[in-house]
Amino acid sequence: MDITLILKLLEDQIGLNAQSIGISTVEKHIHKCMSECGSSSVYDYLKRLNNDPSELRKLTEAVVIPETFFFRDRTPFTALGQYVRQFRTNIEPTSPLRILSAPCSTGEEPYSIAMLLFDMGLNSDQFQIDAVDISDQFIKSAKSGLFRAYSFRGKDLDFRERHFSKEGEEYRLKDKVHGAVNFQQGNLLAHDFVSDRDCYDVIFCRNLLIYFDESAKKKAIAALSQLLCSNGVLFVGHAETASLSTHRFTQLDYPMAFSFAKIKEAKRINALLNISTPIQRERSKIQIQTNPEKKQTVPGKTPPITKIESLTAPPPFMKRRDESNEKQPSHAEAKIAEAIRLADEGAFKETVALCEELIKEDAVSAQVYFILGKAVDSMGDAYQADEYLRKAVYLDPTFYEALTYLATLSERMGDLNKAEGFRTRAERVKRREDKKAGS
């Protein structure tokens, strides 16, 4: 079935680069939506998508990836707290702080921001948090204020005691935090998204740009630039830093926060953050926020794997590059080989630093995230490893080694249902590969 025209529609409407999550994954969701609405052909389904906004929203929500949890990647929140303290003191101590979370997914990020600000002693009239997502379903879930255990990861869960009450198997946000976030459905690429808003002092836009094609990425960054106040801070995902650096933004000198400011204001904001030296980009200087002495394991389970097996196959770079017959830069291949060598030697900190360099250079691949995830797990951070490995299978849904590692990791973390799910997917991939090899 030729789904090219549907992929083009998704690209035009939401900027989706289908290669970023896998053509086969998107095709699976298209088949499911076609079946549910009774379309017998791609042509008929395309007519429905063009004539029925609700059908397009349904497909959009099916392909959007909701991977989030409270205080995900702690360092950006630490940097936010430091910026807010200085902002209240030195920039605009009386006007409300304006913050945007887009996309906000099911609400964990904007609610984390609200909890942070309340814990810092701010009152609700001292800040405004707008949370936007393209998915009506996610917005509805966020507004409910109910969350399951999977939204809480890591050992530092003191905030849950302060801001939630237990209701059976779920946790309900207390009214103070629940009422502090303004949720709304919206599309960052829509022509009226910027015009309807005042500028923001802080914007969280993490792990959105990686799913856009180049045209949509440029449009999104232009919108973010307009939305960010002159002295504001923009937080993005660690795989998106290279995109920002070429669009009149400069990265702030706060290690592992992946924060940006407009070039003219960066020096001033760095000073406010009390950072006296530039961020160290050399791999030997990068500080990793993990503690190798503390292994996150479940009693009786297999400990983290402490050696990454050498891989003889060529690094599986993203399919969008392979399909264009564009030869991968030799320096990227060399760095991946070096990262594998370092991991084999147990030099996990250096492995992580080298993978971070590749990501900053936009040499993003499933292989890089696979190596990164295993190295971080060996350093004792199973939850961060889980996130990296999930990115690997997003980029390559048929990555057998990543799926089997995720199954083992999930089992160690005590989530047997998730472990079984990954193991089933891995076995399905293996059967397909065996069938191809035998044909």
Protein backbone atom coordinates (compact mmCIF):
# COMPACT_ATOMS: atom_id res chain seq x y z
CA MET A 1 0.00 0.00 0.00
CA ASP A 2 1.42 3.36 -1.05
CA ILE A 3 1.00 5.81 1.85
CA THR A 4 3.19 8.56 0.36
CA LEU A 5 0.34 11.08 0.06
CA ILE A 6 -0.72 10.51 3.69
CA LEU A 7 2.86 10.97 4.87
CA LYS A 8 2.99 14.21 2.87
CA LEU A 9 -0.23 15.37 4.56
CA LEU A 10 1.24 14.67 8.01
CA GLU A 11 4.39 16.52 7.01
CA ASP A 12 2.39 19.56 5.85
CA GLN A 13 0.04 19.60 8.83
CA ILE A 14 2.32 18.78 11.78
CA GLY A 15 5.81 18.80 10.24
CA LEU A 16 6.27 15.09 10.91
CA ASN A 17 9.36 13.47 9.46
CA ALA A 18 8.05 9.89 9.39
CA GLN A 19 11.59 8.53 9.26
CA SER A 20 12.17 9.87 12.78
CA ILE A 21 9.82 7.28 14.28
CA GLY A 22 9.97 4.70 11.48
CA ILE A 23 7.87 4.40 8.33
CA SER A 24 6.62 0.98 9.41
CA THR A 25 5.39 2.40 12.73
CA VAL A 26 3.48 5.21 11.02
CA GLU A 27 2.07 2.79 8.43
CA LYS A 28 0.79 0.55 11.23
CA HIS A 29 -1.14 3.48 12.76
CA ILE A 30 -2.53 4.44 9.34
CA HIS A 31 -3.79 0.88 8.78
CA LYS A 32 -5.45 0.89 12.21
CA CYS A 33 -7.15 4.25 11.65
CA MET A 34 -8.32 3.21 8.17
CA SER A 35 -9.84 0.06 9.59
CA GLU A 36 -11.60 1.93 12.40
CA CYS A 37 -13.19 4.48 10.07
CA GLY A 38 -14.10 1.91 7.40
CA SER A 39 -11.88 3.23 4.60
CA SER A 40 -11.16 0.60 1.97
CA SER A 41 -8.38 2.42 0.14
CA VAL A 42 -5.67 5.01 0.70
CA TYR A 43 -7.46 7.36 -1.68
CA ASP A 44 -10.71 7.12 0.29
CA TYR A 45 -8.89 7.60 3.60
CA LEU A 46 -6.99 10.61 2.24
CA LYS A 47 -10.33 12.21 1.28
CA ARG A 48 -11.56 11.65 4.83
CA LEU A 49 -8.42 13.22 6.30
CA ASN A 50 -8.79 16.30 4.08
CA ASN A 51 -12.52 16.73 4.74
CA ASP A 52 -12.84 15.70 8.38
CA PRO A 53 -10.61 17.54 10.92
CA SER A 54 -11.53 15.03 13.63
CA GLU A 55 -10.19 12.15 11.53
CA LEU A 56 -6.91 13.99 11.00
CA ARG A 57 -6.67 14.68 14.74
CA LYS A 58 -7.23 10.98 15.41
CA LEU A 59 -4.35 9.99 13.13
CA THR A 60 -2.14 12.72 14.56
CA GLU A 61 -2.72 11.49 18.10
CA ALA A 62 -1.94 7.94 17.00
CA VAL A 63 1.53 8.82 15.66
CA VAL A 64 2.54 11.30 18.39
CA ILE A 65 4.88 9.74 20.96
CA PRO A 66 3.93 10.51 24.61
CA GLU A 67 7.18 9.76 26.48
CA THR A 68 7.28 11.85 29.66
CA PHE A 69 7.44 11.69 33.44
CA PHE A 70 7.72 14.09 36.37
CA PHE A 71 11.02 16.01 36.60
CA ARG A 72 12.34 14.20 33.54
CA ASP A 73 16.07 14.97 33.24
CA ARG A 74 16.56 16.85 36.51
CA THR A 75 19.28 19.24 35.36
CA PRO A 76 17.03 21.54 33.26
CA PHE A 77 14.79 22.01 36.29
CA THR A 78 17.80 22.85 38.44
CA ALA A 79 18.87 25.43 35.86
CA LEU A 80 15.32 26.78 35.74
CA GLY A 81 15.30 27.23 39.52
CA GLN A 82 18.57 29.13 39.40
CA TYR A 83 17.33 31.35 36.57
CA VAL A 84 14.05 32.05 38.34
CA ARG A 85 15.82 33.10 41.54
CA GLN A 86 17.96 35.58 39.63
CA PHE A 87 15.07 36.70 37.43
CA ARG A 88 12.94 37.54 40.44
CA THR A 89 15.82 39.43 42.06
CA ASN A 90 17.56 41.22 39.20
CA ILE A 91 15.31 41.49 36.13
CA GLU A 92 11.60 41.85 36.81
CA PRO A 93 10.89 41.23 40.50
CA THR A 94 7.27 42.36 40.28
CA SER A 95 5.83 41.18 36.96
CA PRO A 96 4.57 37.56 36.76
CA LEU A 97 6.99 35.03 35.29
CA ARG A 98 5.60 33.63 32.02
CA ILE A 99 6.43 30.02 31.12
CA LEU A 100 5.42 27.89 28.13
CA SER A 101 5.57 24.09 27.92
CA ALA A 102 5.08 22.94 24.32
CA PRO A 103 4.51 20.17 23.65
CA CYS A 104 3.25 19.34 27.12
CA SER A 105 2.14 15.75 26.40
CA THR A 106 0.08 14.42 29.33
CA GLY A 107 1.10 17.23 31.68
CA GLU A 108 4.02 15.89 33.70
CA GLU A 109 6.43 18.61 32.55
CA PRO A 110 4.31 21.74 33.22
CA TYR A 111 3.12 20.33 36.53
CA SER A 112 6.77 19.68 37.47
CA ILE A 113 7.50 23.32 36.74
CA ALA A 114 4.60 24.42 38.93
CA MET A 115 5.75 22.18 41.80
CA LEU A 116 9.27 23.58 41.52
CA LEU A 117 8.05 27.18 41.68
CA PHE A 118 5.77 26.53 44.65
CA ASP A 119 8.58 24.72 46.46
CA MET A 120 10.77 27.79 45.85
CA GLY A 121 8.24 29.88 47.72
CA LEU A 122 6.50 31.62 44.81
CA ASN A 123 2.77 32.27 44.93
CA SER A 124 0.40 31.44 42.09
CA ASP A 125 0.03 35.13 41.19
CA GLN A 126 3.80 35.39 40.59
CA PHE A 127 3.86 33.12 37.55
CA GLN A 128 1.78 31.89 34.62
CA ILE A 129 2.31 28.48 33.01
CA ASP A 130 0.76 27.78 29.60
CA ALA A 131 0.87 24.16 28.42
CA VAL A 132 0.12 23.31 24.80
CA ASP A 133 -0.04 20.06 22.85
CA ILE A 134 -1.37 19.09 19.44
CA SER A 135 -3.22 16.12 20.94
CA ASP A 136 -6.67 16.68 22.43
CA GLN A 137 -6.37 13.29 24.08
CA PHE A 138 -3.17 14.26 25.90
CA ILE A 139 -4.66 17.58 27.00
CA LYS A 140 -7.70 15.79 28.40
CA SER A 141 -5.46 13.37 30.29
CA ALA A 142 -3.34 16.24 31.66
CA LYS A 143 -6.38 18.18 32.86
CA SER A 144 -7.63 15.16 34.80
CA GLY A 145 -4.74 15.51 37.26
CA LEU A 146 -4.59 11.71 37.71
CA PHE A 147 -1.33 9.83 37.16
CA ARG A 148 -0.15 6.24 37.46
CA ALA A 149 3.11 4.99 38.92
CA TYR A 150 4.89 5.09 35.54
CA SER A 151 4.83 8.91 35.66
CA PHE A 152 7.07 8.78 38.74
CA ARG A 153 10.61 7.52 38.09
CA GLY A 154 13.82 7.67 40.03
CA LYS A 155 14.40 7.58 43.77
CA ASP A 156 13.78 11.24 44.61
CA LEU A 157 10.00 11.23 44.91
CA ASP A 158 9.57 13.54 47.89
CA PHE A 159 7.52 15.87 45.71
CA ARG A 160 4.85 13.18 45.39
CA GLU A 161 4.21 13.25 49.12
CA ARG A 162 3.83 17.04 49.07
CA HIS A 163 1.74 17.52 45.96
CA PHE A 164 -0.30 14.33 45.41
CA SER A 165 -2.83 12.20 47.23
CA LYS A 166 -3.15 8.45 46.63
CA GLU A 167 -6.38 7.18 45.05
CA GLY A 168 -6.22 3.43 44.61
CA GLU A 169 -3.54 2.71 42.01
CA GLU A 170 -3.36 6.35 40.93
CA TYR A 171 -2.10 9.65 42.31
CA ARG A 172 -4.18 12.82 42.17
CA LEU A 173 -2.60 16.27 42.04
CA LYS A 174 -3.59 18.59 44.83
CA ASP A 175 -5.63 21.60 43.81
CA LYS A 176 -2.83 24.13 44.25
CA VAL A 177 -0.64 22.63 41.52
CA HIS A 178 -3.55 21.38 39.42
CA GLY A 179 -4.94 24.89 39.08
CA ALA A 180 -1.59 26.51 38.28
CA VAL A 181 -1.33 25.30 34.68
CA ASN A 182 -3.38 26.54 31.72
CA PHE A 183 -3.82 23.69 29.22
CA GLN A 184 -4.90 24.12 25.62
CA GLN A 185 -4.74 22.27 22.33
CA GLY A 186 -2.49 23.93 19.76
CA ASN A 187 0.06 23.47 17.01
CA LEU A 188 3.39 25.30 17.17
CA LEU A 189 3.44 25.37 13.36
CA ALA A 190 0.00 26.98 13.02
CA HIS A 191 0.07 30.48 11.54
CA ASP A 192 -1.80 32.00 14.50
CA PHE A 193 0.12 30.24 17.28
CA VAL A 194 2.57 33.11 17.81
CA SER A 195 0.27 36.03 17.01
CA ASP A 196 -2.16 35.11 19.78
CA ARG A 197 0.48 35.18 22.55
CA ASP A 198 2.72 37.53 24.49
CA CYS A 199 6.37 36.55 24.86
CA TYR A 200 7.55 34.07 27.49
CA ASP A 201 10.44 34.31 29.96
CA VAL A 202 10.97 30.53 29.86
CA ILE A 203 10.05 27.99 27.18
CA PHE A 204 10.34 24.22 27.49
CA CYS A 205 10.25 22.67 24.01
CA ARG A 206 12.01 19.37 24.53
CA ASN A 207 12.17 16.49 22.07
CA LEU A 208 9.85 17.98 19.47
CA LEU A 209 12.27 19.20 16.80
CA ILE A 210 13.76 15.71 16.34
CA TYR A 211 10.47 14.58 14.76
CA PHE A 212 10.32 17.46 12.24
CA ASP A 213 11.65 17.62 8.72
CA GLU A 214 14.05 20.48 7.98
CA SER A 215 11.39 22.89 6.73
CA ALA A 216 9.15 22.37 9.76
CA LYS A 217 12.17 22.56 12.07
CA LYS A 218 13.12 26.01 10.73
CA LYS A 219 9.53 27.21 11.05
CA ALA A 220 9.28 25.92 14.62
CA ILE A 221 12.56 27.56 15.67
CA ALA A 222 11.42 30.86 14.14
CA ALA A 223 8.21 30.61 16.17
CA LEU A 224 10.16 29.87 19.35
CA SER A 225 12.38 32.87 18.70
CA GLN A 226 9.34 35.13 18.42
CA LEU A 227 7.75 33.63 21.51
CA LEU A 228 10.85 33.97 23.71
CA CYS A 229 11.41 37.31 25.47
CA SER A 230 14.74 39.01 24.80
CA ASN A 231 16.18 37.88 28.14
CA GLY A 232 14.38 34.53 28.23
CA VAL A 233 15.67 30.95 28.33
CA LEU A 234 14.70 28.12 25.99
CA PHE A 235 15.13 24.48 27.05
CA VAL A 236 15.32 21.79 24.34
CA GLY A 237 16.18 18.11 24.19
CA HIS A 238 19.79 16.99 24.14
CA ALA A 239 19.47 15.78 20.52
CA GLU A 240 18.28 19.20 19.33
CA THR A 241 21.13 21.49 20.33
CA ALA A 242 22.76 21.56 16.90
CA SER A 243 19.56 22.89 15.30
CA LEU A 244 19.31 25.85 17.69
CA SER A 245 22.95 26.90 17.34
CA THR A 246 22.43 27.87 13.70
CA HIS A 247 19.37 30.06 14.29
CA ARG A 248 20.50 33.09 16.32
CA PHE A 249 20.48 31.16 19.58
CA THR A 250 23.50 30.30 21.66
CA GLN A 251 23.80 27.56 24.25
CA LEU A 252 24.09 28.71 27.84
CA ASP A 253 27.03 27.58 29.93
CA TYR A 254 25.00 25.26 32.15
CA PRO A 255 26.22 21.66 31.68
CA MET A 256 23.60 19.08 30.65
CA ALA A 257 20.69 21.55 30.86
CA PHE A 258 20.50 22.05 27.06
CA SER A 259 19.38 25.64 27.58
CA PHE A 260 19.59 28.46 25.04
CA ALA A 261 19.24 32.22 24.92
CA LYS A 262 19.22 34.78 22.16
CA ILE A 263 22.78 35.64 21.23
CA LYS A 264 22.63 39.26 22.42
CA GLU A 265 21.48 38.26 25.92
CA ALA A 266 23.45 35.07 26.51
CA LYS A 267 26.37 36.73 28.30
CA ARG A 268 24.06 38.53 30.70
CA ILE A 269 22.04 35.38 31.44
CA ASN A 270 25.19 33.33 32.00
CA ALA A 271 26.23 35.93 34.54
CA LEU A 272 22.84 35.68 36.25
CA LEU A 273 23.26 31.93 36.46
CA ASN A 274 26.56 32.54 38.29
CA ILE A 275 28.54 30.47 35.80
CA SER A 276 32.09 31.74 35.52
CA THR A 277 33.50 29.37 32.89
CA PRO A 278 32.18 28.14 29.53
CA ILE A 279 30.63 24.72 29.23
CA GLN A 280 33.32 22.14 28.52
CA ARG A 281 32.59 20.40 25.28
CA GLU A 282 35.61 18.10 25.24
CA ARG A 283 34.58 14.61 26.19
CA SER A 284 37.01 14.46 29.10
CA LYS A 285 35.41 17.54 30.63
CA ILE A 286 31.70 16.73 30.35
CA GLN A 287 30.11 16.07 33.73
CA ILE A 288 27.59 13.26 33.82
CA GLN A 289 24.85 13.52 36.43
CA THR A 290 25.09 9.95 37.67
CA ASN A 291 26.55 8.18 40.68
CA PRO A 292 28.33 4.94 39.81
CA GLU A 293 28.31 3.92 43.48
CA LYS A 294 24.51 3.70 43.52
CA LYS A 295 23.19 0.90 41.34
CA GLN A 296 19.46 1.08 40.70
CA THR A 297 18.66 -2.61 40.88
CA VAL A 298 15.88 -4.79 42.16
CA PRO A 299 16.92 -7.47 44.69
CA GLY A 300 17.28 -10.83 43.01
CA LYS A 301 17.51 -9.36 39.51
CA THR A 302 20.46 -9.43 37.14
CA PRO A 303 22.81 -6.45 37.73
CA PRO A 304 23.47 -3.92 34.94
CA ILE A 305 25.55 -5.16 32.05
CA THR A 306 29.02 -3.64 32.42
CA LYS A 307 30.41 -4.33 28.95
CA ILE A 308 29.04 -3.38 25.56
CA GLU A 309 29.59 -6.14 23.05
CA SER A 310 31.59 -5.18 19.95
CA LEU A 311 29.33 -4.81 16.95
CA THR A 312 30.60 -6.04 13.62
CA ALA A 313 27.76 -4.70 11.49
CA PRO A 314 27.99 -1.13 10.16
CA PRO A 315 26.28 1.44 12.41
CA PRO A 316 22.58 1.59 11.39
CA PHE A 317 22.20 5.33 10.82
CA MET A 318 18.74 6.79 10.40
CA LYS A 319 16.91 5.42 7.38
CA ARG A 320 16.23 8.89 5.98
CA ARG A 321 19.93 9.19 5.33
CA ASP A 322 20.44 5.65 4.06
CA GLU A 323 17.53 5.88 1.62
CA SER A 324 18.97 9.00 0.04
CA ASN A 325 22.22 7.08 -0.62
CA GLU A 326 24.07 9.79 1.25
CA LYS A 327 27.33 8.38 2.57
CA GLN A 328 27.75 8.91 6.29
CA PRO A 329 30.59 11.18 7.35
CA SER A 330 33.64 9.08 8.11
CA HIS A 331 34.35 11.03 11.29
CA ALA A 332 30.94 10.01 12.71
CA GLU A 333 31.57 6.35 11.93
CA ALA A 334 34.99 6.62 13.54
CA LYS A 335 33.52 8.16 16.68
CA ILE A 336 30.93 5.40 16.97
CA ALA A 337 33.67 2.78 16.64
CA GLU A 338 35.67 4.63 19.30
CA ALA A 339 32.64 4.77 21.61
CA ILE A 340 32.21 0.99 21.29
CA ARG A 341 35.92 0.47 22.03
CA LEU A 342 35.78 2.69 25.12
CA ALA A 343 32.69 0.87 26.37
CA ASP A 344 34.36 -2.50 25.87
CA GLU A 345 37.19 -1.22 28.07
CA GLY A 346 34.76 -0.10 30.77
CA ALA A 347 35.39 3.63 30.16
CA PHE A 348 31.69 4.45 30.40
CA LYS A 349 32.03 8.13 31.27
CA GLU A 350 34.15 8.71 28.16
CA THR A 351 31.68 6.63 26.12
CA VAL A 352 28.78 8.83 27.20
CA ALA A 353 30.76 11.99 26.47
CA LEU A 354 31.60 10.79 22.96
CA CYS A 355 27.98 9.89 22.24
CA GLU A 356 26.92 13.34 23.47
CA GLU A 357 29.37 14.86 20.99
CA LEU A 358 27.77 12.87 18.16
CA ILE A 359 24.32 14.05 19.16
CA LYS A 360 25.45 17.68 19.28
CA GLU A 361 26.91 17.22 15.79
CA ASP A 362 23.47 15.98 14.66
CA ALA A 363 24.87 12.52 13.87
CA VAL A 364 21.76 11.02 15.43
CA SER A 365 21.20 7.29 15.01
CA ALA A 366 19.62 4.37 16.80
CA GLN A 367 23.11 2.97 17.31
CA VAL A 368 24.31 6.07 19.17
CA TYR A 369 21.36 5.96 21.58
CA PHE A 370 21.84 2.20 22.06
CA ILE A 371 25.49 2.65 23.06
CA LEU A 372 24.57 5.65 25.23
CA GLY A 373 21.80 3.78 27.01
CA LYS A 374 23.94 0.76 27.84
CA ALA A 375 26.81 2.94 29.05
CA VAL A 376 24.56 5.03 31.31
CA ASP A 377 22.97 1.86 32.70
CA SER A 378 26.43 0.53 33.52
CA MET A 379 27.07 3.77 35.43
CA GLY A 380 24.04 3.08 37.62
CA ASP A 381 21.29 5.22 36.07
CA ALA A 382 18.72 2.69 34.87
CA TYR A 383 15.99 5.28 34.37
CA GLN A 384 18.10 7.46 32.06
CA ALA A 385 19.20 4.30 30.24
CA ASP A 386 15.56 3.39 29.69
CA GLU A 387 14.96 6.77 28.04
CA TYR A 388 17.96 6.50 25.71
CA LEU A 389 17.11 2.94 24.69
CA ARG A 390 13.53 3.96 23.95
CA LYS A 391 14.88 6.62 21.60
CA ALA A 392 16.89 3.90 19.87
CA VAL A 393 13.78 1.84 19.15
CA TYR A 394 11.85 4.96 18.11
CA LEU A 395 14.49 5.56 15.45
CA ASP A 396 14.66 1.88 14.50
CA PRO A 397 11.61 -0.17 15.62
CA THR A 398 13.34 -3.35 14.36
CA PHE A 399 16.47 -2.89 16.53
CA TYR A 400 16.52 -6.38 18.07
CA GLU A 401 19.41 -5.76 20.50
CA ALA A 402 17.80 -2.59 21.86
CA LEU A 403 14.45 -4.33 22.35
CA THR A 404 16.00 -7.27 24.20
CA TYR A 405 18.05 -4.94 26.39
CA LEU A 406 14.92 -2.92 27.22
CA ALA A 407 13.19 -6.17 28.19
CA THR A 408 16.02 -7.05 30.58
CA LEU A 409 16.19 -3.51 31.94
CA SER A 410 12.43 -3.34 32.53
CA GLU A 411 12.57 -6.66 34.38
CA ARG A 412 15.36 -5.35 36.63
CA MET A 413 13.29 -2.26 37.36
CA GLY A 414 10.35 -4.42 38.42
CA ASP A 415 8.02 -3.72 35.48
CA LEU A 416 7.31 -7.26 34.28
CA ASN A 417 4.47 -6.26 31.94
CA LYS A 418 6.67 -3.81 30.09
CA ALA A 419 9.48 -6.37 29.97
CA GLU A 420 7.17 -8.91 28.38
CA GLY A 421 6.03 -6.33 25.83
CA PHE A 422 9.57 -5.56 24.71
CA ARG A 423 10.46 -9.25 24.64
CA THR A 424 7.44 -10.00 22.42
CA ARG A 425 8.44 -7.22 20.02
CA ALA A 426 12.01 -8.54 19.90
CA GLU A 427 10.83 -12.06 19.14
CA ARG A 428 8.60 -10.76 16.37
CA VAL A 429 11.56 -8.92 14.82
CA LYS A 430 13.70 -12.05 15.04
CA ARG A 431 11.05 -14.21 13.35
CA ARG A 432 10.81 -11.73 10.48
CA GLU A 433 14.59 -11.64 10.10
CA ASP A 434 14.81 -15.46 10.20
CA LYS A 435 12.10 -15.70 7.59
CA LYS A 436 13.96 -13.28 5.31
CA ALA A 437 17.23 -15.18 5.78
CA GLY A 438 15.55 -18.45 4.86
CA SER A 439 13.83 -17.16 1.75
